[in-house]
Structures are given as structure tokens and as C-alpha cells.
Amino acid sequence: MIALYTLAGIALLISLLVDRQKSIRALRIAAKRLYKIHRPLLLMIVLVAISLAILSEERIAGVLEQAGAFWGLLVASAVGSVAIIPGFIAFPLSGILREAGVSYMVLSAFTTTLMMVGITTFPMESAHFGSRFALLRNGVSFLIAISVALVTGLLFGEILL
């Protein structure tokens, strides 16, 4: 992360040296946009903190281990849609859950919705891109995630046609 900050700082310095007025104008535009989204951003940070407090790894594992195929798919999709867990935690967690006997279909629903659907980030997304777009993107992402989970279940023989 420090490397990215350093790179951004160097790029800003170069930009200021090349065209000071244009760089200052760009910084003002960025500051105005940040101010415009600061409330949804703060709300998202609070929701993430609450989500991480309520949906601990142990709690997620316990719920998914006990659910059957259909309920597991629904629960995993709901938890994945609401939770904000980074991939470097979610994928090893999925490995642990698999070892505990959770089906590939349920794990697929969990990880796919976790990465693609953002209920918790919805206020931020709708403030930046508009509510219609945010609803459409989340709805389509949820349908794709369920489809991926069902195909995974079919491929691994966990559901039969």
C-alpha cells in the first residue's frame, strides 16, 4: 500500500511540474467528489464494521455446515451478499468449510455472492452510480451467482436433473 501512495505522490508531483493549473483543477474536482460521497462512504465503513462483528468466520462456518443443499444455497447466498470479507480470507475459509463437509454448490454460492453482490456497499454504490444501476448490477450479479452455484452442483453431482 505504501508503494501505491508513493507512486501516486510522484505522479502528482510530475503533474504539478508539467501543468500546475490543470493539476490544481483536478485536485479540486477530486475533493468535491470526495465530499459528495463522504456520507455514503462513512455509512459503508460502519456497515462493514457491523458486518464483520456479526458475521465472524466461526459463525459462518457453523451455519453453512448445518444447512442442507437447498437451505445451504439460500443461506450462503444471503450471507455472501451481505458480508464483506476479503478474498484472501474467504477462499481459505471455503477450504476449511469444504473439509467440514460443506458442498461445492454452497461454497460456490457463498464465494460468488461475496465477490459480486454488495448489499452492505449499496448505499455507496447508489450514491456514486445511481440507485437504478446499483439495483440492476446487484440483481444481475445475484442471478449469475445462483446460476454458477447450480452449475457447480450439477458438475459435482450434488444435484441431479
N, C-alpha and C. Protein backbone atom coordinates (compact mmCIF):
# COMPACT_ATOMS: atom_id res chain seq x y z
N MET A 1 0.83 -1.18 0.00
CA MET A 1 0.00 0.00 0.00
C MET A 1 0.87 1.25 0.00
N ILE A 2 1.97 1.18 0.72
CA ILE A 2 2.88 2.32 0.76
C ILE A 2 3.42 2.61 -0.63
N ALA A 3 3.68 1.55 -1.39
CA ALA A 3 4.18 1.73 -2.76
C ALA A 3 3.18 2.48 -3.62
N LEU A 4 1.89 2.18 -3.46
CA LEU A 4 0.86 2.87 -4.23
C LEU A 4 0.78 4.35 -3.86
N TYR A 5 0.85 4.63 -2.56
CA TYR A 5 0.84 6.03 -2.11
C TYR A 5 2.05 6.78 -2.65
N THR A 6 3.19 6.13 -2.60
CA THR A 6 4.41 6.74 -3.11
C THR A 6 4.30 7.02 -4.60
N LEU A 7 3.82 6.04 -5.35
CA LEU A 7 3.63 6.20 -6.79
C LEU A 7 2.65 7.32 -7.11
N ALA A 8 1.55 7.39 -6.36
CA ALA A 8 0.55 8.45 -6.56
C ALA A 8 1.16 9.82 -6.25
N GLY A 9 1.95 9.91 -5.18
CA GLY A 9 2.61 11.16 -4.83
C GLY A 9 3.59 11.61 -5.91
N ILE A 10 4.37 10.68 -6.43
CA ILE A 10 5.31 11.00 -7.51
C ILE A 10 4.57 11.46 -8.75
N ALA A 11 3.49 10.76 -9.09
CA ALA A 11 2.69 11.16 -10.26
C ALA A 11 2.09 12.55 -10.07
N LEU A 12 1.65 12.87 -8.86
CA LEU A 12 1.11 14.20 -8.59
C LEU A 12 2.18 15.27 -8.73
N LEU A 13 3.36 14.99 -8.21
CA LEU A 13 4.46 15.95 -8.35
C LEU A 13 4.82 16.19 -9.82
N ILE A 14 4.87 15.13 -10.59
CA ILE A 14 5.16 15.26 -12.02
C ILE A 14 4.06 16.07 -12.69
N SER A 15 2.82 15.79 -12.35
CA SER A 15 1.68 16.52 -12.92
C SER A 15 1.76 18.00 -12.57
N LEU A 16 2.11 18.31 -11.32
CA LEU A 16 2.25 19.71 -10.91
C LEU A 16 3.37 20.42 -11.66
N LEU A 17 4.45 19.71 -11.92
CA LEU A 17 5.56 20.29 -12.67
C LEU A 17 5.21 20.53 -14.14
N VAL A 18 4.43 19.62 -14.72
CA VAL A 18 4.07 19.74 -16.13
C VAL A 18 3.03 20.84 -16.34
N ASP A 19 1.94 20.84 -15.58
CA ASP A 19 0.89 21.84 -15.74
C ASP A 19 0.23 22.07 -14.38
N ARG A 20 0.73 23.08 -13.69
CA ARG A 20 0.28 23.35 -12.33
C ARG A 20 -1.21 23.67 -12.26
N GLN A 21 -1.72 24.50 -13.15
CA GLN A 21 -3.14 24.90 -13.12
C GLN A 21 -4.07 23.71 -13.34
N LYS A 22 -3.73 22.89 -14.31
CA LYS A 22 -4.57 21.71 -14.61
C LYS A 22 -4.56 20.74 -13.42
N SER A 23 -3.42 20.57 -12.79
CA SER A 23 -3.31 19.67 -11.65
C SER A 23 -4.13 20.17 -10.48
N ILE A 24 -4.07 21.47 -10.22
CA ILE A 24 -4.85 22.06 -9.12
C ILE A 24 -6.34 21.93 -9.41
N ARG A 25 -6.73 22.14 -10.66
CA ARG A 25 -8.14 21.98 -11.05
C ARG A 25 -8.59 20.52 -10.82
N ALA A 26 -7.74 19.58 -11.19
CA ALA A 26 -8.07 18.16 -11.00
C ALA A 26 -8.20 17.82 -9.52
N LEU A 27 -7.32 18.38 -8.69
CA LEU A 27 -7.40 18.15 -7.24
C LEU A 27 -8.68 18.73 -6.65
N ARG A 28 -9.11 19.91 -7.15
CA ARG A 28 -10.37 20.50 -6.68
C ARG A 28 -11.56 19.63 -7.05
N ILE A 29 -11.55 19.13 -8.28
CA ILE A 29 -12.64 18.24 -8.73
C ILE A 29 -12.68 16.99 -7.85
N ALA A 30 -11.51 16.41 -7.59
CA ALA A 30 -11.44 15.20 -6.76
C ALA A 30 -11.94 15.48 -5.35
N ALA A 31 -11.57 16.64 -4.79
CA ALA A 31 -12.02 16.99 -3.44
C ALA A 31 -13.54 17.16 -3.39
N LYS A 32 -14.12 17.80 -4.42
CA LYS A 32 -15.57 17.97 -4.48
C LYS A 32 -16.28 16.62 -4.56
N ARG A 33 -15.74 15.71 -5.37
CA ARG A 33 -16.35 14.38 -5.50
C ARG A 33 -16.24 13.59 -4.20
N LEU A 34 -15.09 13.70 -3.54
CA LEU A 34 -14.94 13.02 -2.26
C LEU A 34 -15.93 13.57 -1.24
N TYR A 35 -16.10 14.89 -1.22
CA TYR A 35 -17.06 15.49 -0.30
C TYR A 35 -18.47 14.99 -0.61
N LYS A 36 -18.78 14.84 -1.89
CA LYS A 36 -20.11 14.41 -2.31
C LYS A 36 -20.42 12.99 -1.85
N ILE A 37 -19.41 12.14 -1.77
CA ILE A 37 -19.65 10.74 -1.40
C ILE A 37 -19.21 10.41 0.02
N HIS A 38 -18.82 11.40 0.81
CA HIS A 38 -18.29 11.08 2.13
C HIS A 38 -19.32 10.47 3.08
N ARG A 39 -20.58 10.89 3.00
CA ARG A 39 -21.60 10.29 3.88
C ARG A 39 -21.84 8.81 3.56
N PRO A 40 -22.10 8.47 2.28
CA PRO A 40 -22.26 7.04 1.97
C PRO A 40 -20.99 6.24 2.27
N LEU A 41 -19.83 6.84 2.10
CA LEU A 41 -18.58 6.15 2.39
C LEU A 41 -18.47 5.84 3.88
N LEU A 42 -18.80 6.80 4.71
CA LEU A 42 -18.77 6.57 6.16
C LEU A 42 -19.82 5.53 6.57
N LEU A 43 -21.00 5.60 5.96
CA LEU A 43 -22.04 4.61 6.24
C LEU A 43 -21.55 3.21 5.87
N MET A 44 -20.90 3.10 4.72
CA MET A 44 -20.38 1.81 4.29
C MET A 44 -19.34 1.28 5.27
N ILE A 45 -18.48 2.15 5.76
CA ILE A 45 -17.46 1.73 6.72
C ILE A 45 -18.11 1.22 8.01
N VAL A 46 -19.15 1.91 8.48
CA VAL A 46 -19.86 1.47 9.67
C VAL A 46 -20.54 0.12 9.42
N LEU A 47 -21.19 -0.03 8.27
CA LEU A 47 -21.85 -1.30 7.95
C LEU A 47 -20.85 -2.45 7.81
N VAL A 48 -19.69 -2.17 7.27
CA VAL A 48 -18.65 -3.19 7.17
C VAL A 48 -18.21 -3.63 8.57
N ALA A 49 -18.01 -2.67 9.45
CA ALA A 49 -17.60 -3.00 10.81
C ALA A 49 -18.66 -3.86 11.52
N ILE A 50 -19.92 -3.48 11.36
CA ILE A 50 -21.00 -4.26 11.97
C ILE A 50 -21.07 -5.65 11.35
N SER A 51 -20.94 -5.72 10.04
CA SER A 51 -20.97 -7.00 9.33
C SER A 51 -19.86 -7.92 9.82
N LEU A 52 -18.66 -7.39 9.96
CA LEU A 52 -17.54 -8.23 10.42
C LEU A 52 -17.72 -8.66 11.88
N ALA A 53 -18.38 -7.81 12.68
CA ALA A 53 -18.62 -8.17 14.07
C ALA A 53 -19.67 -9.26 14.20
N ILE A 54 -20.72 -9.16 13.40
CA ILE A 54 -21.82 -10.12 13.48
C ILE A 54 -21.49 -11.42 12.75
N LEU A 55 -20.93 -11.30 11.56
CA LEU A 55 -20.68 -12.47 10.71
C LEU A 55 -19.23 -12.91 10.81
N SER A 56 -18.86 -13.44 11.96
CA SER A 56 -17.49 -13.93 12.13
C SER A 56 -17.31 -15.22 11.33
N GLU A 57 -16.06 -15.57 11.09
CA GLU A 57 -15.76 -16.79 10.34
C GLU A 57 -16.37 -18.02 11.00
N GLU A 58 -16.29 -18.09 12.32
CA GLU A 58 -16.82 -19.24 13.04
C GLU A 58 -18.35 -19.34 12.89
N ARG A 59 -19.01 -18.20 12.94
CA ARG A 59 -20.48 -18.18 12.81
C ARG A 59 -20.89 -18.62 11.41
N ILE A 60 -20.19 -18.12 10.39
CA ILE A 60 -20.49 -18.51 9.01
C ILE A 60 -20.28 -20.00 8.84
N ALA A 61 -19.17 -20.51 9.34
CA ALA A 61 -18.87 -21.94 9.23
C ALA A 61 -19.95 -22.77 9.91
N GLY A 62 -20.37 -22.37 11.10
CA GLY A 62 -21.40 -23.13 11.82
C GLY A 62 -22.72 -23.18 11.08
N VAL A 63 -23.13 -22.07 10.50
CA VAL A 63 -24.41 -22.02 9.78
C VAL A 63 -24.35 -22.87 8.51
N LEU A 64 -23.29 -22.73 7.74
CA LEU A 64 -23.20 -23.45 6.47
C LEU A 64 -22.98 -24.95 6.65
N GLU A 65 -22.33 -25.35 7.72
CA GLU A 65 -22.11 -26.77 7.98
C GLU A 65 -23.43 -27.48 8.28
N GLN A 66 -24.36 -26.80 8.94
CA GLN A 66 -25.60 -27.43 9.38
C GLN A 66 -26.70 -27.40 8.33
N ALA A 67 -26.59 -26.53 7.33
CA ALA A 67 -27.65 -26.39 6.34
C ALA A 67 -27.57 -27.49 5.29
N GLY A 68 -28.72 -27.88 4.76
CA GLY A 68 -28.77 -28.84 3.67
C GLY A 68 -28.49 -28.14 2.35
N ALA A 69 -28.66 -28.85 1.24
CA ALA A 69 -28.31 -28.30 -0.08
C ALA A 69 -29.12 -27.06 -0.43
N PHE A 70 -30.45 -27.17 -0.37
CA PHE A 70 -31.29 -26.03 -0.76
C PHE A 70 -31.16 -24.87 0.22
N TRP A 71 -31.31 -25.16 1.51
CA TRP A 71 -31.19 -24.10 2.52
C TRP A 71 -29.78 -23.56 2.57
N GLY A 72 -28.82 -24.45 2.38
CA GLY A 72 -27.42 -24.02 2.35
C GLY A 72 -27.16 -23.03 1.23
N LEU A 73 -27.76 -23.30 0.06
CA LEU A 73 -27.62 -22.40 -1.08
C LEU A 73 -28.21 -21.03 -0.75
N LEU A 74 -29.40 -21.01 -0.16
CA LEU A 74 -30.05 -19.75 0.19
C LEU A 74 -29.28 -19.00 1.28
N VAL A 75 -28.88 -19.72 2.32
CA VAL A 75 -28.16 -19.08 3.42
C VAL A 75 -26.81 -18.57 2.94
N ALA A 76 -26.09 -19.39 2.18
CA ALA A 76 -24.77 -18.98 1.68
C ALA A 76 -24.88 -17.77 0.78
N SER A 77 -25.93 -17.73 -0.05
CA SER A 77 -26.14 -16.58 -0.94
C SER A 77 -26.45 -15.32 -0.14
N ALA A 78 -27.27 -15.47 0.88
CA ALA A 78 -27.62 -14.31 1.71
C ALA A 78 -26.41 -13.81 2.49
N VAL A 79 -25.68 -14.72 3.11
CA VAL A 79 -24.51 -14.33 3.89
C VAL A 79 -23.45 -13.70 2.98
N GLY A 80 -23.23 -14.32 1.82
CA GLY A 80 -22.25 -13.78 0.88
C GLY A 80 -22.64 -12.41 0.35
N SER A 81 -23.94 -12.18 0.17
CA SER A 81 -24.41 -10.89 -0.35
C SER A 81 -24.24 -9.77 0.66
N VAL A 82 -24.33 -10.10 1.95
CA VAL A 82 -24.27 -9.09 3.00
C VAL A 82 -22.85 -8.90 3.53
N ALA A 83 -22.12 -9.98 3.67
CA ALA A 83 -20.80 -9.92 4.30
C ALA A 83 -19.79 -9.21 3.39
N ILE A 84 -18.84 -8.61 4.03
CA ILE A 84 -17.70 -8.05 3.31
C ILE A 84 -16.47 -8.72 3.90
N ILE A 85 -16.00 -9.72 3.20
CA ILE A 85 -14.82 -10.46 3.62
C ILE A 85 -13.85 -10.45 2.45
N PRO A 86 -12.62 -10.05 2.67
CA PRO A 86 -11.66 -10.04 1.57
C PRO A 86 -11.41 -11.45 1.04
N GLY A 87 -11.06 -11.54 -0.23
CA GLY A 87 -10.82 -12.83 -0.87
C GLY A 87 -9.75 -13.64 -0.18
N PHE A 88 -8.71 -12.99 0.33
CA PHE A 88 -7.63 -13.74 0.98
C PHE A 88 -8.08 -14.40 2.28
N ILE A 89 -9.25 -14.02 2.79
CA ILE A 89 -9.83 -14.70 3.95
C ILE A 89 -10.93 -15.66 3.48
N ALA A 90 -11.72 -15.23 2.49
CA ALA A 90 -12.88 -16.01 2.04
C ALA A 90 -12.47 -17.35 1.42
N PHE A 91 -11.43 -17.36 0.60
CA PHE A 91 -11.07 -18.60 -0.08
C PHE A 91 -10.47 -19.64 0.86
N PRO A 92 -9.57 -19.26 1.76
CA PRO A 92 -9.14 -20.26 2.76
C PRO A 92 -10.29 -20.72 3.65
N LEU A 93 -11.20 -19.80 4.00
CA LEU A 93 -12.38 -20.17 4.78
C LEU A 93 -13.19 -21.21 4.03
N SER A 94 -13.32 -21.04 2.72
CA SER A 94 -14.05 -22.02 1.90
C SER A 94 -13.36 -23.38 1.94
N GLY A 95 -12.04 -23.38 1.95
CA GLY A 95 -11.31 -24.65 2.06
C GLY A 95 -11.59 -25.34 3.38
N ILE A 96 -11.63 -24.57 4.46
CA ILE A 96 -11.94 -25.12 5.78
C ILE A 96 -13.37 -25.65 5.80
N LEU A 97 -14.30 -24.90 5.21
CA LEU A 97 -15.69 -25.33 5.16
C LEU A 97 -15.84 -26.61 4.34
N ARG A 98 -15.08 -26.72 3.26
CA ARG A 98 -15.15 -27.92 2.41
C ARG A 98 -14.68 -29.14 3.20
N GLU A 99 -13.60 -28.95 3.95
CA GLU A 99 -13.10 -30.05 4.78
C GLU A 99 -14.12 -30.44 5.84
N ALA A 100 -14.96 -29.49 6.24
CA ALA A 100 -16.00 -29.76 7.25
C ALA A 100 -17.23 -30.40 6.62
N GLY A 101 -17.25 -30.55 5.29
CA GLY A 101 -18.35 -31.23 4.63
C GLY A 101 -19.35 -30.35 3.91
N VAL A 102 -19.10 -29.06 3.82
CA VAL A 102 -20.00 -28.16 3.09
C VAL A 102 -19.85 -28.45 1.60
N SER A 103 -20.96 -28.51 0.89
CA SER A 103 -20.94 -28.88 -0.52
C SER A 103 -20.30 -27.81 -1.39
N TYR A 104 -19.81 -28.24 -2.55
CA TYR A 104 -19.22 -27.30 -3.51
C TYR A 104 -20.24 -26.27 -3.98
N MET A 105 -21.48 -26.70 -4.13
CA MET A 105 -22.53 -25.79 -4.58
C MET A 105 -22.74 -24.66 -3.57
N VAL A 106 -22.79 -24.99 -2.31
CA VAL A 106 -22.98 -23.98 -1.26
C VAL A 106 -21.76 -23.06 -1.19
N LEU A 107 -20.57 -23.63 -1.28
CA LEU A 107 -19.36 -22.82 -1.27
C LEU A 107 -19.29 -21.90 -2.48
N SER A 108 -19.75 -22.40 -3.61
CA SER A 108 -19.78 -21.59 -4.82
C SER A 108 -20.73 -20.41 -4.66
N ALA A 109 -21.91 -20.67 -4.09
CA ALA A 109 -22.87 -19.59 -3.84
C ALA A 109 -22.30 -18.56 -2.89
N PHE A 110 -21.65 -19.03 -1.84
CA PHE A 110 -21.08 -18.13 -0.84
C PHE A 110 -19.99 -17.24 -1.44
N THR A 111 -19.00 -17.86 -2.08
CA THR A 111 -17.87 -17.07 -2.58
C THR A 111 -18.27 -16.18 -3.75
N THR A 112 -19.16 -16.66 -4.62
CA THR A 112 -19.55 -15.85 -5.77
C THR A 112 -20.37 -14.64 -5.34
N THR A 113 -21.33 -14.82 -4.45
CA THR A 113 -22.09 -13.66 -3.97
C THR A 113 -21.21 -12.73 -3.15
N LEU A 114 -20.28 -13.30 -2.43
CA LEU A 114 -19.36 -12.49 -1.62
C LEU A 114 -18.56 -11.53 -2.50
N MET A 115 -18.12 -12.01 -3.65
CA MET A 115 -17.31 -11.20 -4.54
C MET A 115 -18.13 -10.30 -5.47
N MET A 116 -19.36 -10.70 -5.78
CA MET A 116 -20.12 -9.99 -6.81
C MET A 116 -21.28 -9.14 -6.31
N VAL A 117 -21.89 -9.51 -5.20
CA VAL A 117 -23.08 -8.81 -4.72
C VAL A 117 -22.69 -7.98 -3.50
N GLY A 118 -23.20 -6.75 -3.43
CA GLY A 118 -22.82 -5.88 -2.33
C GLY A 118 -24.00 -5.19 -1.68
N ILE A 119 -24.70 -5.89 -0.81
CA ILE A 119 -25.81 -5.27 -0.09
C ILE A 119 -25.26 -4.21 0.87
N THR A 120 -24.18 -4.52 1.54
CA THR A 120 -23.60 -3.60 2.50
C THR A 120 -23.03 -2.36 1.82
N THR A 121 -22.51 -2.53 0.62
CA THR A 121 -21.91 -1.40 -0.10
C THR A 121 -22.93 -0.67 -0.98
N PHE A 122 -24.18 -1.09 -0.94
CA PHE A 122 -25.21 -0.50 -1.79
C PHE A 122 -25.37 1.02 -1.62
N PRO A 123 -25.40 1.54 -0.38
CA PRO A 123 -25.53 3.00 -0.25
C PRO A 123 -24.42 3.77 -0.97
N MET A 124 -23.21 3.28 -0.86
CA MET A 124 -22.08 3.93 -1.52
C MET A 124 -22.20 3.81 -3.04
N GLU A 125 -22.54 2.64 -3.49
CA GLU A 125 -22.66 2.40 -4.92
C GLU A 125 -23.80 3.22 -5.54
N SER A 126 -24.92 3.27 -4.86
CA SER A 126 -26.06 4.03 -5.40
C SER A 126 -25.78 5.53 -5.38
N ALA A 127 -25.04 6.00 -4.39
CA ALA A 127 -24.70 7.43 -4.35
C ALA A 127 -23.76 7.80 -5.49
N HIS A 128 -22.91 6.88 -5.84
CA HIS A 128 -21.90 7.18 -6.87
C HIS A 128 -22.41 6.90 -8.28
N PHE A 129 -23.15 5.80 -8.46
CA PHE A 129 -23.60 5.39 -9.79
C PHE A 129 -25.09 5.52 -10.02
N GLY A 130 -25.85 5.76 -8.97
CA GLY A 130 -27.30 5.84 -9.07
C GLY A 130 -27.95 4.57 -8.58
N SER A 131 -29.14 4.72 -7.98
CA SER A 131 -29.84 3.57 -7.39
C SER A 131 -30.25 2.55 -8.44
N ARG A 132 -30.70 3.02 -9.58
CA ARG A 132 -31.16 2.09 -10.63
C ARG A 132 -30.02 1.18 -11.08
N PHE A 133 -28.86 1.78 -11.34
CA PHE A 133 -27.71 0.99 -11.77
C PHE A 133 -27.28 0.02 -10.67
N ALA A 134 -27.22 0.50 -9.43
CA ALA A 134 -26.78 -0.34 -8.33
C ALA A 134 -27.73 -1.53 -8.13
N LEU A 135 -29.03 -1.28 -8.20
CA LEU A 135 -30.01 -2.37 -8.09
C LEU A 135 -29.87 -3.37 -9.23
N LEU A 136 -29.73 -2.86 -10.44
CA LEU A 136 -29.59 -3.73 -11.61
C LEU A 136 -28.31 -4.56 -11.51
N ARG A 137 -27.20 -3.92 -11.16
CA ARG A 137 -25.93 -4.65 -11.06
C ARG A 137 -25.99 -5.72 -9.98
N ASN A 138 -26.53 -5.38 -8.82
CA ASN A 138 -26.62 -6.36 -7.74
C ASN A 138 -27.59 -7.49 -8.08
N GLY A 139 -28.72 -7.15 -8.71
CA GLY A 139 -29.68 -8.19 -9.10
C GLY A 139 -29.12 -9.16 -10.12
N VAL A 140 -28.49 -8.62 -11.14
CA VAL A 140 -27.88 -9.48 -12.18
C VAL A 140 -26.75 -10.30 -11.57
N SER A 141 -25.95 -9.69 -10.74
CA SER A 141 -24.85 -10.41 -10.08
C SER A 141 -25.37 -11.55 -9.21
N PHE A 142 -26.48 -11.31 -8.50
CA PHE A 142 -27.06 -12.36 -7.67
C PHE A 142 -27.55 -13.53 -8.53
N LEU A 143 -28.23 -13.22 -9.63
CA LEU A 143 -28.71 -14.27 -10.52
C LEU A 143 -27.56 -15.07 -11.12
N ILE A 144 -26.50 -14.38 -11.51
CA ILE A 144 -25.32 -15.07 -12.04
C ILE A 144 -24.70 -15.96 -10.97
N ALA A 145 -24.62 -15.46 -9.74
CA ALA A 145 -24.03 -16.24 -8.65
C ALA A 145 -24.84 -17.51 -8.37
N ILE A 146 -26.16 -17.39 -8.37
CA ILE A 146 -27.01 -18.57 -8.17
C ILE A 146 -26.84 -19.56 -9.32
N SER A 147 -26.77 -19.03 -10.54
CA SER A 147 -26.56 -19.89 -11.71
C SER A 147 -25.23 -20.63 -11.62
N VAL A 148 -24.19 -19.92 -11.24
CA VAL A 148 -22.87 -20.54 -11.09
C VAL A 148 -22.93 -21.64 -10.02
N ALA A 149 -23.60 -21.37 -8.92
CA ALA A 149 -23.71 -22.36 -7.85
C ALA A 149 -24.47 -23.59 -8.32
N LEU A 150 -25.56 -23.39 -9.05
CA LEU A 150 -26.34 -24.54 -9.55
C LEU A 150 -25.54 -25.37 -10.56
N VAL A 151 -24.82 -24.70 -11.43
CA VAL A 151 -23.97 -25.42 -12.40
C VAL A 151 -22.88 -26.18 -11.65
N THR A 152 -22.31 -25.57 -10.63
CA THR A 152 -21.31 -26.25 -9.81
C THR A 152 -21.91 -27.49 -9.16
N GLY A 153 -23.12 -27.36 -8.63
CA GLY A 153 -23.80 -28.50 -8.03
C GLY A 153 -24.04 -29.61 -9.04
N LEU A 154 -24.42 -29.24 -10.25
CA LEU A 154 -24.61 -30.23 -11.31
C LEU A 154 -23.29 -30.92 -11.67
N LEU A 155 -22.25 -30.13 -11.85
CA LEU A 155 -20.96 -30.69 -12.26
C LEU A 155 -20.37 -31.62 -11.21
N PHE A 156 -20.59 -31.33 -9.95
CA PHE A 156 -20.05 -32.17 -8.88
C PHE A 156 -21.04 -33.23 -8.41
N GLY A 157 -22.16 -33.35 -9.11
CA GLY A 157 -23.14 -34.39 -8.77
C GLY A 157 -23.88 -34.17 -7.47
N GLU A 158 -23.94 -32.94 -7.01
CA GLU A 158 -24.60 -32.66 -5.75
C GLU A 158 -26.10 -32.43 -5.93
N ILE A 159 -26.50 -32.09 -7.15
CA ILE A 159 -27.93 -32.02 -7.51
C ILE A 159 -28.09 -32.75 -8.83
N LEU A 160 -29.21 -33.37 -8.99
CA LEU A 160 -29.49 -34.14 -10.20
C LEU A 160 -30.68 -33.54 -10.92
N LEU A 161 -30.66 -33.63 -12.24
CA LEU A 161 -31.78 -33.12 -13.03
C LEU A 161 -32.93 -34.08 -13.05
